[in-house]
């Protein structure tokens, strides 16, 4: 009888151990983007690939810098601390990696990834920056520090599947594509299919500004000869030559959220010799007619404007320009509040390369 009772107890114990093992297995399988311990609850609120100067997309295009916002709720009765310097790690299998610190670059808004205290019952969203490979699964480990001496919290593990954020990786160069389309369509008069997809801009206003600056260049060479009505013709001629001869190469250098900085290397059609070339036609008219009529000389020079523009030298910028871009209603445009945006007018309306 005693042996029978022992057998029943052994069977029950075996079943309990089996159920516990299943429970552990299930818990491991269902672990995801949120987790908790007796101190805190942590979840991945959002994540996106960003560029921040030297931190960002790898040369082979298979890795990048992922900005991860972790939402942390303090369930304890005292203050806790979460810090990228201690207690937050990225696990690649058995390898333990630390978040990137002091991520910063001009022209984009990045939240401070420093240490943060969270009061009892409070919730904070904290940014962390991890170098990761595309389409790969990792784990993020978060161990809050407790204010009570000698106490230690268990580590909370979250699953980070970078494949979920692949779209943001593919969009990293969208600001550069948008700037290229912006220049092609607005300044060069060319077609670019990316313009409708990626760009928002007041095209007419930008072109009016460009015409005004180009008119100033003409006024230096031929004062009081070009009216506002005439400038359309001369500016169109210059724009046509730009579209034929100028070259641009754009690359996104920094991007996070709705802000970006694009490095623009370019060449333009220089107006430095515009005065000399127009004046040579004034002299030609004088020599051919044997008279001296300044008004007619200038009119003759303007009649040769297309020839003059075609003969202008193409010059390449030595340093290029860093153009600030902002996203509005899902599309990109030049941030005119940033003074570097003046480089576009200087290059493609005034004909100057720096």
Protein backbone atom coordinates (compact mmCIF):
# COMPACT_ATOMS: atom_id res chain seq x y z
CA UNK A 1 0.00 0.00 0.00
CA UNK A 2 2.84 2.32 0.92
CA UNK A 3 4.59 1.55 -2.38
CA UNK A 4 1.38 2.40 -4.24
CA UNK A 5 1.16 5.80 -2.51
CA UNK A 6 4.79 6.49 -3.33
CA UNK A 7 4.14 5.61 -6.95
CA UNK A 8 1.15 7.99 -7.15
CA UNK A 9 3.20 10.80 -5.57
CA UNK A 10 6.06 10.18 -7.99
CA UNK A 11 3.63 10.30 -10.93
CA UNK A 12 2.09 13.57 -9.71
CA UNK A 13 5.55 15.08 -9.15
CA UNK A 14 6.60 14.03 -12.64
CA UNK A 15 3.48 15.64 -14.16
CA UNK A 16 4.06 18.88 -12.23
CA UNK A 17 7.68 19.04 -13.40
CA UNK A 18 6.52 18.41 -16.96
CA UNK A 19 3.95 21.21 -16.77
CA UNK A 20 6.54 23.55 -15.30
CA UNK A 21 8.93 22.71 -18.10
CA UNK A 22 6.20 23.41 -20.65
CA UNK A 23 5.44 26.68 -18.91
CA UNK A 24 9.10 27.68 -19.06
CA UNK A 25 9.26 26.72 -22.73
CA UNK A 26 6.11 28.69 -23.50
CA UNK A 27 7.40 31.72 -21.61
CA UNK A 28 10.59 31.64 -23.61
CA UNK A 29 8.74 31.39 -26.91
CA UNK A 30 6.28 34.16 -26.13
CA UNK A 31 8.88 36.63 -24.83
CA UNK A 32 8.68 39.69 -27.07
CA UNK A 33 9.00 43.45 -27.16
CA UNK A 34 7.89 43.92 -23.57
CA UNK A 35 8.81 42.39 -20.25
CA UNK A 36 8.74 43.03 -16.51
CA UNK A 37 10.18 42.09 -13.16
CA UNK A 38 9.11 43.01 -9.62
CA UNK A 39 10.63 46.49 -10.08
CA UNK A 40 9.74 47.70 -13.57
CA UNK A 41 7.97 47.13 -16.85
CA UNK A 42 9.90 47.79 -20.09
CA UNK A 43 8.71 47.79 -23.70
CA UNK A 44 10.00 48.84 -27.10
CA UNK A 45 7.88 51.88 -27.96
CA UNK A 46 9.40 52.52 -31.40
CA UNK A 47 12.62 52.11 -33.35
CA UNK A 48 14.11 53.43 -36.57
CA UNK A 49 17.41 53.37 -38.41
CA UNK A 50 19.19 56.71 -38.31
CA UNK A 51 22.37 58.32 -39.60
CA UNK A 52 24.46 60.48 -37.30
CA UNK A 53 27.73 61.47 -38.98
CA UNK A 54 30.11 58.52 -38.72
CA UNK A 55 27.46 56.49 -36.91
CA UNK A 56 25.05 54.85 -39.31
CA UNK A 57 24.85 52.80 -42.47
CA UNK A 58 27.81 50.52 -43.11
CA UNK A 59 29.72 50.59 -46.38
CA UNK A 60 28.25 47.23 -47.44
CA UNK A 61 24.73 48.43 -46.63
CA UNK A 62 24.06 45.48 -44.32
CA UNK A 63 24.26 47.21 -40.95
CA UNK A 64 23.19 50.47 -39.36
CA UNK A 65 22.51 52.48 -36.24
CA UNK A 66 19.11 51.70 -34.75
CA UNK A 67 17.53 54.25 -32.42
CA UNK A 68 15.32 52.39 -29.96
CA UNK A 69 12.91 54.14 -27.59
CA UNK A 70 12.31 52.07 -24.47
CA UNK A 71 9.26 52.84 -22.36
CA UNK A 72 10.07 52.17 -18.71
CA UNK A 73 7.48 52.12 -15.91
CA UNK A 74 8.71 52.07 -12.33
CA UNK A 75 6.50 49.63 -10.41
CA UNK A 76 8.49 49.94 -7.20
CA UNK A 77 8.04 52.31 -4.27
CA UNK A 78 11.39 54.06 -4.72
CA UNK A 79 13.40 55.70 -7.49
CA UNK A 80 15.15 53.51 -10.07
CA UNK A 81 17.79 54.38 -12.65
CA UNK A 82 18.22 53.14 -16.22
CA UNK A 83 21.48 53.97 -17.97
CA UNK A 84 23.29 53.07 -21.21
CA UNK A 85 26.52 53.11 -19.18
CA UNK A 86 25.49 50.23 -16.94
CA UNK A 87 22.52 47.89 -17.02
CA UNK A 88 21.38 48.13 -20.64
CA UNK A 89 22.92 45.74 -23.17
CA UNK A 90 22.34 44.28 -26.61
CA UNK A 91 22.79 40.52 -26.82
CA UNK A 92 23.93 38.96 -30.08
CA UNK A 93 23.78 35.33 -29.07
CA UNK A 94 26.34 35.01 -26.28
CA UNK A 95 27.99 38.33 -27.11
CA UNK A 96 27.10 41.27 -24.87
CA UNK A 97 27.26 44.68 -26.58
CA UNK A 98 26.85 48.15 -25.09
CA UNK A 99 24.70 50.95 -26.56
CA UNK A 100 26.41 53.79 -28.40
CA UNK A 101 26.93 56.89 -26.27
CA UNK A 102 27.13 60.59 -27.14
CA UNK A 103 25.46 60.19 -30.54
CA UNK A 104 25.19 63.67 -32.05
CA UNK A 105 25.43 65.53 -35.35
CA UNK A 106 24.39 68.92 -36.71
CA UNK A 107 20.96 69.41 -38.17
CA UNK A 108 19.01 66.54 -36.64
CA UNK A 109 17.25 66.16 -33.31
CA UNK A 110 18.55 63.30 -31.19
CA UNK A 111 17.35 62.72 -27.66
CA UNK A 112 19.99 62.48 -24.96
CA UNK A 113 20.82 58.85 -24.29
CA UNK A 114 22.26 59.52 -20.83
CA UNK A 115 21.42 58.11 -17.43
CA UNK A 116 17.88 58.74 -16.18
CA UNK A 117 16.17 58.48 -12.80
CA UNK A 118 12.54 57.34 -12.76
CA UNK A 119 10.44 58.10 -9.72
CA UNK A 120 8.14 55.62 -8.02
CA UNK A 121 5.09 54.91 -10.18
CA UNK A 122 6.41 57.11 -12.99
CA UNK A 123 6.88 56.31 -16.69
CA UNK A 124 9.67 57.56 -18.97
CA UNK A 125 10.57 56.89 -22.59
CA UNK A 126 14.33 56.64 -22.98
CA UNK A 127 16.39 56.53 -26.21
CA UNK A 128 19.15 54.01 -26.84
CA UNK A 129 21.33 53.60 -29.91
CA UNK A 130 22.55 50.21 -31.08
CA UNK A 131 24.72 49.19 -34.03
CA UNK A 132 22.91 46.23 -35.57
CA UNK A 133 22.79 44.10 -38.68
CA UNK A 134 19.79 44.14 -40.99
CA UNK A 135 17.11 41.45 -40.71
CA UNK A 136 18.58 39.95 -37.55
CA UNK A 137 17.16 39.15 -34.11
CA UNK A 138 18.79 40.35 -30.91
CA UNK A 139 17.81 40.69 -27.27
CA UNK A 140 17.92 43.88 -25.24
CA UNK A 141 18.67 43.37 -21.57
CA UNK A 142 17.55 46.03 -19.07
CA UNK A 143 18.55 45.86 -15.41
CA UNK A 144 17.25 48.88 -13.47
CA UNK A 145 19.46 50.15 -10.66
CA UNK A 146 17.71 50.47 -7.31
CA UNK A 147 18.13 53.35 -4.90
CA UNK A 148 18.10 51.04 -1.89
CA UNK A 149 21.66 49.88 -1.12
CA UNK A 150 22.30 46.17 -1.51
CA UNK A 151 19.15 45.51 -3.55
CA UNK A 152 19.37 44.24 -7.10
CA UNK A 153 16.71 43.77 -9.76
CA UNK A 154 16.47 40.91 -12.23
CA UNK A 155 17.32 41.60 -15.86
CA UNK A 156 14.39 42.14 -18.23
CA UNK A 157 14.91 40.69 -21.71
CA UNK A 158 13.19 42.06 -24.81
CA UNK A 159 13.28 40.67 -28.34
CA UNK A 160 14.61 43.12 -30.95
CA UNK A 161 13.83 41.98 -34.49
CA UNK A 162 15.55 44.46 -36.81
CA UNK A 163 13.61 43.12 -39.79
CA UNK A 164 10.57 44.99 -38.46
CA UNK A 165 12.38 48.30 -39.11
CA UNK A 166 13.66 47.48 -42.60
CA UNK A 167 11.55 50.24 -44.16
CA UNK A 168 13.34 52.95 -42.19
CA UNK A 169 16.67 51.48 -43.37
CA UNK A 170 15.56 51.68 -47.00
CA UNK A 171 14.46 55.31 -46.49
CA UNK A 172 17.82 56.58 -45.22
CA UNK A 173 18.84 57.98 -48.60
CA UNK A 174 15.40 59.46 -49.38
CA UNK A 175 16.49 63.00 -48.36
CA UNK A 176 19.39 62.79 -50.84
CA UNK A 177 17.06 61.54 -53.59
CA UNK A 178 14.63 64.33 -52.73
CA UNK A 179 17.33 67.03 -52.91
CA UNK A 180 18.52 65.70 -56.28
CA UNK A 181 14.96 65.80 -57.61
CA UNK A 182 14.42 69.28 -56.11
CA UNK A 183 17.46 70.67 -57.96
CA UNK A 184 16.72 68.78 -61.18
CA UNK A 185 13.15 70.02 -61.47
CA UNK A 186 13.35 73.51 -59.96
CA UNK A 187 16.81 74.72 -60.99
CA UNK A 188 17.60 72.61 -64.06
CA UNK A 189 14.14 72.28 -65.61
CA UNK A 190 14.62 68.52 -65.94
CA UNK A 191 12.26 65.65 -65.18
CA UNK A 192 12.83 63.44 -62.15
CA UNK A 193 10.28 60.84 -61.07
CA UNK A 194 11.35 61.20 -57.43
CA UNK A 195 10.02 64.76 -57.33
CA UNK A 196 6.36 63.77 -57.07
CA UNK A 197 7.11 60.85 -54.74
CA UNK A 198 9.51 62.51 -52.32
CA UNK A 199 9.42 66.32 -52.63
CA UNK A 200 7.14 69.03 -51.36
CA UNK A 201 8.03 72.61 -52.31
CA UNK A 202 6.63 75.91 -53.49
CA UNK A 203 8.23 75.54 -56.89
CA UNK A 204 7.08 78.92 -58.21
CA UNK A 205 8.34 80.81 -55.17
CA UNK A 206 11.77 79.15 -55.32
CA UNK A 207 12.09 79.90 -59.03
CA UNK A 208 11.05 83.52 -58.50
CA UNK A 209 13.85 83.89 -55.96
CA UNK A 210 16.30 82.31 -58.39
CA UNK A 211 15.22 84.63 -61.22
CA UNK A 212 15.64 87.65 -58.96
CA UNK A 213 19.20 86.67 -58.04
CA UNK A 214 20.06 85.88 -61.66
CA UNK A 215 18.73 89.28 -62.71
CA UNK A 216 21.15 90.91 -60.26
CA UNK A 217 24.01 89.16 -62.03
CA UNK A 218 22.79 90.45 -65.39
CA UNK A 219 22.34 93.95 -64.00
CA UNK A 220 26.03 94.00 -63.09
CA UNK A 221 26.93 93.32 -66.72
CA UNK A 222 24.18 95.32 -68.43
CA UNK A 223 22.68 97.87 -66.00
CA UNK A 224 19.06 98.84 -66.61
CA UNK A 225 18.79 96.66 -69.72
CA UNK A 226 16.83 93.68 -68.42
CA UNK A 227 13.25 94.20 -67.26
CA UNK A 228 11.31 91.85 -65.00
CA UNK A 229 9.34 90.78 -68.07
CA UNK A 230 12.54 89.94 -69.98
CA UNK A 231 14.23 87.97 -67.22
CA UNK A 232 12.11 84.87 -67.84
CA UNK A 233 13.71 84.46 -71.27
CA UNK A 234 17.30 84.92 -70.08
CA UNK A 235 16.89 82.86 -66.94
CA UNK A 236 15.32 80.02 -68.97
CA UNK A 237 18.36 80.06 -71.23
CA UNK A 238 20.71 79.83 -68.26
CA UNK A 239 18.61 77.09 -66.64
CA UNK A 240 18.70 75.08 -69.86
CA UNK A 241 22.52 75.21 -69.90
CA UNK A 242 22.60 74.22 -66.23
CA UNK A 243 20.49 71.17 -67.03
CA UNK A 244 22.91 70.27 -69.80
CA UNK A 245 26.26 70.92 -68.11
CA UNK A 246 25.94 71.16 -64.32
CA UNK A 247 26.39 68.04 -62.21
CA UNK A 248 25.21 67.13 -58.72
CA UNK A 249 25.84 64.23 -56.36
CA UNK A 250 23.89 64.01 -53.11
CA UNK A 251 24.32 61.70 -50.13
CA UNK A 252 22.48 61.67 -46.82
CA UNK A 253 24.97 62.35 -44.03
CA UNK A 254 22.54 62.56 -41.10
CA UNK A 255 18.90 61.57 -40.65
CA UNK A 256 16.59 61.05 -37.74
CA UNK A 257 12.82 61.42 -37.70
CA UNK A 258 11.76 64.34 -39.91
CA UNK A 259 15.18 66.01 -40.21
CA UNK A 260 18.21 65.26 -42.35
CA UNK A 261 21.47 66.74 -43.61
CA UNK A 262 22.54 65.99 -47.17
CA UNK A 263 26.07 66.45 -48.48
CA UNK A 264 25.87 67.98 -51.94
CA UNK A 265 28.83 67.90 -54.31
CA UNK A 266 28.17 69.96 -57.41
CA UNK A 267 29.41 71.84 -60.42
CA UNK A 268 27.67 74.83 -61.93
CA UNK A 269 27.86 77.19 -64.89
CA UNK A 270 29.92 80.11 -63.63
CA UNK A 271 28.81 83.71 -64.23
CA UNK A 272 32.25 85.09 -63.34
CA UNK A 273 33.02 85.92 -66.99
CA UNK A 274 29.51 86.97 -67.93
CA UNK A 275 30.37 90.68 -67.98
CA UNK A 276 33.48 90.20 -70.14
CA UNK A 277 31.70 88.00 -72.64
CA UNK A 278 28.73 90.35 -73.02
CA UNK A 279 31.04 93.36 -73.28
CA UNK A 280 32.99 91.70 -76.08
CA UNK A 281 29.78 91.70 -78.16
CA UNK A 282 29.25 95.37 -77.33
CA UNK A 283 32.72 96.09 -78.74
CA UNK A 284 31.98 93.93 -81.77
CA UNK A 285 28.86 95.98 -82.53
CA UNK A 286 30.81 99.24 -82.15
CA UNK A 287 33.60 98.07 -84.44
CA UNK A 288 31.19 96.78 -87.08
CA UNK A 289 29.03 99.91 -87.17
CA UNK A 290 31.74 102.51 -86.61
CA UNK A 291 29.38 104.37 -84.29
CA UNK A 292 28.96 104.74 -80.58
CA UNK A 293 25.44 103.94 -79.36
CA UNK A 294 25.59 102.33 -75.91
CA UNK A 295 21.92 101.35 -75.94
CA UNK A 296 22.19 99.51 -79.25
CA UNK A 297 25.47 97.91 -78.21
CA UNK A 298 23.81 96.41 -75.14
CA UNK A 299 20.81 95.26 -77.12
CA UNK A 300 23.13 93.54 -79.57
CA UNK A 301 24.98 91.85 -76.70
CA UNK A 302 21.69 90.59 -75.27
CA UNK A 303 20.73 89.20 -78.67
CA UNK A 304 23.79 86.94 -78.32
CA UNK A 305 22.87 85.84 -74.82
CA UNK A 306 22.31 82.16 -75.68
CA UNK A 307 25.76 82.01 -77.27
CA UNK A 308 27.30 83.72 -74.25
CA UNK A 309 25.70 81.36 -71.75
CA UNK A 310 26.77 78.30 -73.74
CA UNK A 311 30.36 79.54 -73.61
CA UNK A 312 30.46 80.06 -69.84
CA UNK A 313 32.85 77.85 -67.89
CA UNK A 314 31.66 74.94 -65.75
CA UNK A 315 33.23 75.13 -62.29
CA UNK A 316 33.21 72.52 -59.52
CA UNK A 317 32.69 73.31 -55.87
CA UNK A 318 35.75 72.48 -53.78
CA UNK A 319 33.92 71.86 -50.53
CA UNK A 320 30.35 71.14 -51.59
CA UNK A 321 27.51 72.08 -49.27
CA UNK A 322 25.64 70.49 -46.37
CA UNK A 323 21.96 71.10 -47.00
CA UNK A 324 19.44 70.80 -44.18
CA UNK A 325 16.24 68.97 -45.15
CA UNK A 326 12.93 68.65 -43.31
CA UNK A 327 9.97 66.36 -43.82
CA UNK A 328 6.47 67.79 -44.14
CA UNK A 329 3.35 65.69 -44.66
CA UNK A 330 5.45 62.68 -45.60
CA UNK A 331 7.69 64.44 -48.16
CA UNK A 332 11.05 66.23 -48.03
CA UNK A 333 11.97 69.83 -48.74
CA UNK A 334 14.91 72.18 -48.20
CA UNK A 335 14.97 73.81 -44.78
CA UNK A 336 15.15 77.47 -45.79
CA UNK A 337 15.57 78.50 -42.15
CA UNK A 338 19.06 77.03 -42.28
CA UNK A 339 21.56 79.49 -43.77
CA UNK A 340 23.33 76.74 -45.73
CA UNK A 341 20.27 76.57 -48.00
CA UNK A 342 21.59 79.81 -49.58
CA UNK A 343 24.21 77.67 -51.31
CA UNK A 344 21.56 76.43 -53.74
CA UNK A 345 20.66 79.93 -54.92
CA UNK A 346 24.31 80.94 -55.05
CA UNK A 347 25.20 77.89 -57.11
CA UNK A 348 22.26 77.65 -59.50
CA UNK A 349 21.05 81.24 -59.81
CA UNK A 350 24.13 83.36 -59.17
CA UNK A 351 26.47 80.83 -60.81
CA UNK A 352 28.99 80.61 -57.96
CA UNK A 353 30.74 77.54 -56.59
CA UNK A 354 32.52 77.54 -53.25
